[in-house]
Amino acid sequence: MGMNEKLDGLLEKAAKDHVLRDKLLNTRNSDNQLAEFCSIASDNGFPMSVMDMVNQGEEFYAEIKRSTNGGGENSPDLDFQNDEYSIFMMRLEGLKDL
């Protein structure tokens, strides 16, 4: 199972389990957000490490960079890095309204 599938599965599980959702959201208050997030995900059947999360964002960013005008020096500057944790938290926060 790839990281996208793990994150989607964790999001689906959190949509049905408000205790899990709240635990994940509360990682934003942790001194080590990613480590705590990954620990909770792993405990709930979606094993991942901090490096898995970092690599996921880096790989996505690199794909975008390569896909624009041939990549490399010819590609436009992108003002962001893909932060999978922040994106997941935004998606998770959106579930509270459902």
N, C-alpha and C. Protein backbone atom coordinates (compact mmCIF):
# COMPACT_ATOMS: atom_id res chain seq x y z
N MET A 1 0.86 -1.17 0.00
CA MET A 1 0.00 0.00 0.00
C MET A 1 0.91 1.24 0.00
N GLY A 2 0.67 2.14 -0.94
CA GLY A 2 1.46 3.37 -1.03
C GLY A 2 0.97 4.42 -0.03
N MET A 3 1.72 5.49 0.08
CA MET A 3 1.38 6.54 1.04
C MET A 3 0.03 7.19 0.73
N ASN A 4 -0.27 7.41 -0.53
CA ASN A 4 -1.57 8.00 -0.86
C ASN A 4 -2.71 7.13 -0.36
N GLU A 5 -2.58 5.83 -0.57
CA GLU A 5 -3.62 4.91 -0.13
C GLU A 5 -3.71 4.87 1.40
N LYS A 6 -2.56 4.91 2.06
CA LYS A 6 -2.57 4.92 3.52
C LYS A 6 -3.25 6.17 4.06
N LEU A 7 -2.89 7.32 3.50
CA LEU A 7 -3.48 8.57 3.97
C LEU A 7 -4.98 8.63 3.68
N ASP A 8 -5.37 8.16 2.51
CA ASP A 8 -6.80 8.12 2.18
C ASP A 8 -7.54 7.16 3.10
N GLY A 9 -6.95 6.00 3.38
CA GLY A 9 -7.56 5.03 4.28
C GLY A 9 -7.69 5.57 5.69
N LEU A 10 -6.65 6.25 6.15
CA LEU A 10 -6.69 6.85 7.49
C LEU A 10 -7.76 7.93 7.56
N LEU A 11 -7.89 8.71 6.51
CA LEU A 11 -8.92 9.75 6.47
C LEU A 11 -10.31 9.14 6.51
N GLU A 12 -10.51 8.07 5.75
CA GLU A 12 -11.82 7.39 5.76
C GLU A 12 -12.14 6.83 7.14
N LYS A 13 -11.14 6.23 7.78
CA LYS A 13 -11.35 5.67 9.11
C LYS A 13 -11.66 6.78 10.11
N ALA A 14 -10.96 7.90 10.01
CA ALA A 14 -11.17 9.03 10.92
C ALA A 14 -12.54 9.67 10.69
N ALA A 15 -13.06 9.57 9.48
CA ALA A 15 -14.39 10.12 9.19
C ALA A 15 -15.47 9.36 9.95
N LYS A 16 -15.21 8.09 10.22
CA LYS A 16 -16.19 7.25 10.92
C LYS A 16 -15.94 7.17 12.42
N ASP A 17 -14.75 7.57 12.84
CA ASP A 17 -14.34 7.42 14.24
C ASP A 17 -13.90 8.78 14.78
N HIS A 18 -14.81 9.44 15.50
CA HIS A 18 -14.51 10.80 15.97
C HIS A 18 -13.38 10.83 17.00
N VAL A 19 -13.18 9.75 17.74
CA VAL A 19 -12.07 9.70 18.70
C VAL A 19 -10.74 9.72 17.95
N LEU A 20 -10.63 8.91 16.90
CA LEU A 20 -9.43 8.89 16.07
C LEU A 20 -9.23 10.26 15.42
N ARG A 21 -10.30 10.82 14.87
CA ARG A 21 -10.20 12.13 14.23
C ARG A 21 -9.65 13.17 15.21
N ASP A 22 -10.18 13.18 16.43
CA ASP A 22 -9.72 14.15 17.42
C ASP A 22 -8.26 13.91 17.82
N LYS A 23 -7.87 12.64 17.94
CA LYS A 23 -6.47 12.33 18.26
C LYS A 23 -5.54 12.88 17.19
N LEU A 24 -5.92 12.64 15.93
CA LEU A 24 -5.09 13.12 14.83
C LEU A 24 -5.04 14.65 14.81
N LEU A 25 -6.18 15.28 14.99
CA LEU A 25 -6.20 16.75 15.00
C LEU A 25 -5.39 17.31 16.15
N ASN A 26 -5.39 16.63 17.27
CA ASN A 26 -4.65 17.11 18.44
C ASN A 26 -3.13 17.01 18.27
N THR A 27 -2.68 16.27 17.25
CA THR A 27 -1.24 16.22 17.02
C THR A 27 -0.70 17.60 16.64
N ARG A 28 -1.57 18.49 16.19
CA ARG A 28 -1.13 19.85 15.86
C ARG A 28 -0.58 20.58 17.08
N ASN A 29 -0.97 20.14 18.28
CA ASN A 29 -0.50 20.77 19.51
C ASN A 29 0.75 20.10 20.08
N SER A 30 1.25 19.10 19.42
CA SER A 30 2.40 18.34 19.90
C SER A 30 3.71 19.05 19.56
N ASP A 31 4.72 18.78 20.36
CA ASP A 31 6.06 19.29 20.06
C ASP A 31 6.67 18.55 18.88
N ASN A 32 6.20 17.34 18.62
CA ASN A 32 6.70 16.54 17.51
C ASN A 32 5.51 16.02 16.72
N GLN A 33 4.91 16.91 15.97
CA GLN A 33 3.65 16.63 15.28
C GLN A 33 3.71 15.40 14.38
N LEU A 34 4.71 15.35 13.50
CA LEU A 34 4.77 14.24 12.55
C LEU A 34 4.98 12.90 13.22
N ALA A 35 5.85 12.85 14.21
CA ALA A 35 6.11 11.58 14.89
C ALA A 35 4.85 11.08 15.58
N GLU A 36 4.15 11.96 16.25
CA GLU A 36 2.91 11.55 16.93
C GLU A 36 1.85 11.13 15.91
N PHE A 37 1.72 11.89 14.83
CA PHE A 37 0.77 11.55 13.77
C PHE A 37 1.06 10.16 13.21
N CYS A 38 2.33 9.90 12.90
CA CYS A 38 2.71 8.61 12.32
C CYS A 38 2.48 7.47 13.31
N SER A 39 2.71 7.72 14.58
CA SER A 39 2.46 6.71 15.60
C SER A 39 0.98 6.35 15.67
N ILE A 40 0.11 7.34 15.65
CA ILE A 40 -1.33 7.11 15.69
C ILE A 40 -1.77 6.38 14.42
N ALA A 41 -1.27 6.82 13.27
CA ALA A 41 -1.62 6.16 12.01
C ALA A 41 -1.20 4.70 12.03
N SER A 42 0.02 4.44 12.48
CA SER A 42 0.53 3.06 12.53
C SER A 42 -0.28 2.20 13.49
N ASP A 43 -0.65 2.77 14.63
CA ASP A 43 -1.46 2.03 15.61
C ASP A 43 -2.85 1.70 15.07
N ASN A 44 -3.27 2.41 14.04
CA ASN A 44 -4.61 2.20 13.48
C ASN A 44 -4.58 1.49 12.14
N GLY A 45 -3.46 0.80 11.87
CA GLY A 45 -3.40 -0.05 10.68
C GLY A 45 -2.84 0.59 9.43
N PHE A 46 -2.25 1.78 9.56
CA PHE A 46 -1.67 2.47 8.42
C PHE A 46 -0.22 2.83 8.74
N PRO A 47 0.67 1.81 8.73
CA PRO A 47 2.05 2.03 9.15
C PRO A 47 2.77 3.05 8.26
N MET A 48 3.36 4.03 8.93
CA MET A 48 4.14 5.05 8.22
C MET A 48 5.14 5.66 9.18
N SER A 49 6.18 6.22 8.61
CA SER A 49 7.21 6.88 9.41
C SER A 49 7.25 8.36 9.03
N VAL A 50 7.97 9.11 9.81
CA VAL A 50 8.14 10.54 9.51
C VAL A 50 8.77 10.69 8.12
N MET A 51 9.76 9.88 7.82
CA MET A 51 10.41 9.97 6.50
C MET A 51 9.45 9.62 5.37
N ASP A 52 8.51 8.71 5.61
CA ASP A 52 7.51 8.41 4.59
C ASP A 52 6.71 9.67 4.26
N MET A 53 6.32 10.41 5.29
CA MET A 53 5.55 11.64 5.09
C MET A 53 6.38 12.70 4.37
N VAL A 54 7.62 12.87 4.79
CA VAL A 54 8.48 13.87 4.17
C VAL A 54 8.74 13.51 2.72
N ASN A 55 9.07 12.25 2.46
CA ASN A 55 9.33 11.81 1.09
C ASN A 55 8.11 11.97 0.20
N GLN A 56 6.93 11.72 0.74
CA GLN A 56 5.71 11.86 -0.06
C GLN A 56 5.59 13.28 -0.59
N GLY A 57 5.81 14.25 0.26
CA GLY A 57 5.74 15.64 -0.15
C GLY A 57 6.84 16.01 -1.12
N GLU A 58 8.04 15.54 -0.88
CA GLU A 58 9.17 15.84 -1.74
C GLU A 58 8.99 15.24 -3.13
N GLU A 59 8.50 14.01 -3.19
CA GLU A 59 8.31 13.35 -4.48
C GLU A 59 7.25 14.07 -5.31
N PHE A 60 6.17 14.48 -4.66
CA PHE A 60 5.12 15.19 -5.38
C PHE A 60 5.66 16.50 -5.93
N TYR A 61 6.40 17.24 -5.11
CA TYR A 61 6.98 18.51 -5.53
C TYR A 61 7.93 18.29 -6.71
N ALA A 62 8.76 17.25 -6.63
CA ALA A 62 9.70 16.97 -7.71
C ALA A 62 8.98 16.61 -9.00
N GLU A 63 7.87 15.89 -8.91
CA GLU A 63 7.09 15.55 -10.10
C GLU A 63 6.52 16.80 -10.76
N ILE A 64 6.03 17.72 -9.95
CA ILE A 64 5.51 18.97 -10.50
C ILE A 64 6.63 19.75 -11.17
N LYS A 65 7.75 19.83 -10.50
CA LYS A 65 8.89 20.58 -11.01
C LYS A 65 9.35 20.00 -12.35
N ARG A 66 9.41 18.67 -12.45
CA ARG A 66 9.85 18.02 -13.69
C ARG A 66 8.83 18.19 -14.81
N SER A 67 7.56 18.32 -14.45
CA SER A 67 6.52 18.35 -15.48
C SER A 67 6.31 19.73 -16.07
N THR A 68 6.94 20.75 -15.52
CA THR A 68 6.73 22.10 -16.03
C THR A 68 7.88 22.52 -16.93
N ASN A 69 7.62 22.66 -18.20
CA ASN A 69 8.58 23.16 -19.18
C ASN A 69 9.89 22.36 -19.16
N GLY A 70 9.79 21.08 -19.03
CA GLY A 70 10.97 20.23 -19.09
C GLY A 70 11.73 20.07 -17.80
N GLY A 71 11.30 20.75 -16.77
CA GLY A 71 11.97 20.62 -15.47
C GLY A 71 13.31 21.31 -15.41
N GLY A 72 14.02 21.04 -14.35
CA GLY A 72 15.35 21.61 -14.18
C GLY A 72 15.32 23.13 -14.10
N GLU A 73 16.35 23.74 -14.66
CA GLU A 73 16.48 25.20 -14.59
C GLU A 73 15.43 25.93 -15.40
N ASN A 74 14.83 25.24 -16.37
CA ASN A 74 13.83 25.88 -17.21
C ASN A 74 12.45 25.96 -16.57
N SER A 75 12.26 25.24 -15.49
CA SER A 75 10.93 25.22 -14.87
C SER A 75 10.74 26.46 -14.01
N PRO A 76 9.51 26.93 -13.92
CA PRO A 76 9.26 28.12 -13.11
C PRO A 76 9.49 27.83 -11.63
N ASP A 77 9.82 28.86 -10.89
CA ASP A 77 9.97 28.69 -9.45
C ASP A 77 8.62 28.40 -8.83
N LEU A 78 8.57 27.39 -8.01
CA LEU A 78 7.37 27.07 -7.28
C LEU A 78 7.58 27.54 -5.85
N ASP A 79 6.63 28.27 -5.33
CA ASP A 79 6.79 28.89 -4.02
C ASP A 79 6.32 28.02 -2.88
N PHE A 80 6.23 26.73 -3.08
CA PHE A 80 5.74 25.87 -2.01
C PHE A 80 6.43 24.52 -2.07
N GLN A 81 6.37 23.85 -1.00
CA GLN A 81 6.72 22.44 -0.92
C GLN A 81 5.43 21.76 -0.49
N ASN A 82 5.22 20.57 -0.96
CA ASN A 82 4.01 19.86 -0.60
C ASN A 82 4.17 19.28 0.80
N ASP A 83 3.40 19.79 1.72
CA ASP A 83 3.46 19.35 3.11
C ASP A 83 2.27 18.43 3.35
N GLU A 84 2.52 17.13 3.26
CA GLU A 84 1.43 16.15 3.37
C GLU A 84 0.69 16.24 4.70
N TYR A 85 1.40 16.51 5.77
CA TYR A 85 0.77 16.62 7.08
C TYR A 85 -0.25 17.76 7.09
N SER A 86 0.15 18.93 6.61
CA SER A 86 -0.76 20.08 6.61
C SER A 86 -1.97 19.84 5.70
N ILE A 87 -1.72 19.23 4.57
CA ILE A 87 -2.82 18.92 3.65
C ILE A 87 -3.78 17.93 4.29
N PHE A 88 -3.25 16.91 4.95
CA PHE A 88 -4.09 15.93 5.62
C PHE A 88 -4.92 16.61 6.71
N MET A 89 -4.29 17.48 7.48
CA MET A 89 -5.00 18.19 8.56
C MET A 89 -6.14 19.05 8.02
N MET A 90 -5.92 19.70 6.88
CA MET A 90 -6.99 20.50 6.27
C MET A 90 -8.16 19.60 5.85
N ARG A 91 -7.81 18.47 5.25
CA ARG A 91 -8.87 17.54 4.84
C ARG A 91 -9.62 17.00 6.06
N LEU A 92 -8.88 16.68 7.11
CA LEU A 92 -9.46 16.14 8.33
C LEU A 92 -10.34 17.18 9.01
N GLU A 93 -9.90 18.39 9.06
CA GLU A 93 -10.67 19.49 9.65
C GLU A 93 -12.00 19.64 8.91
N GLY A 94 -11.99 19.45 7.61
CA GLY A 94 -13.20 19.54 6.81
C GLY A 94 -14.24 18.49 7.17
N LEU A 95 -13.80 17.36 7.72
CA LEU A 95 -14.72 16.31 8.12
C LEU A 95 -15.58 16.70 9.31
N LYS A 96 -15.08 17.65 10.11
CA LYS A 96 -15.83 18.06 11.30
C LYS A 96 -17.16 18.71 10.94
N ASP A 97 -17.23 19.28 9.74
CA ASP A 97 -18.42 19.96 9.28
C ASP A 97 -19.47 19.01 8.71
N LEU A 98 -19.08 17.78 8.48
CA LEU A 98 -20.02 16.82 7.86
C LEU A 98 -20.94 16.19 8.87
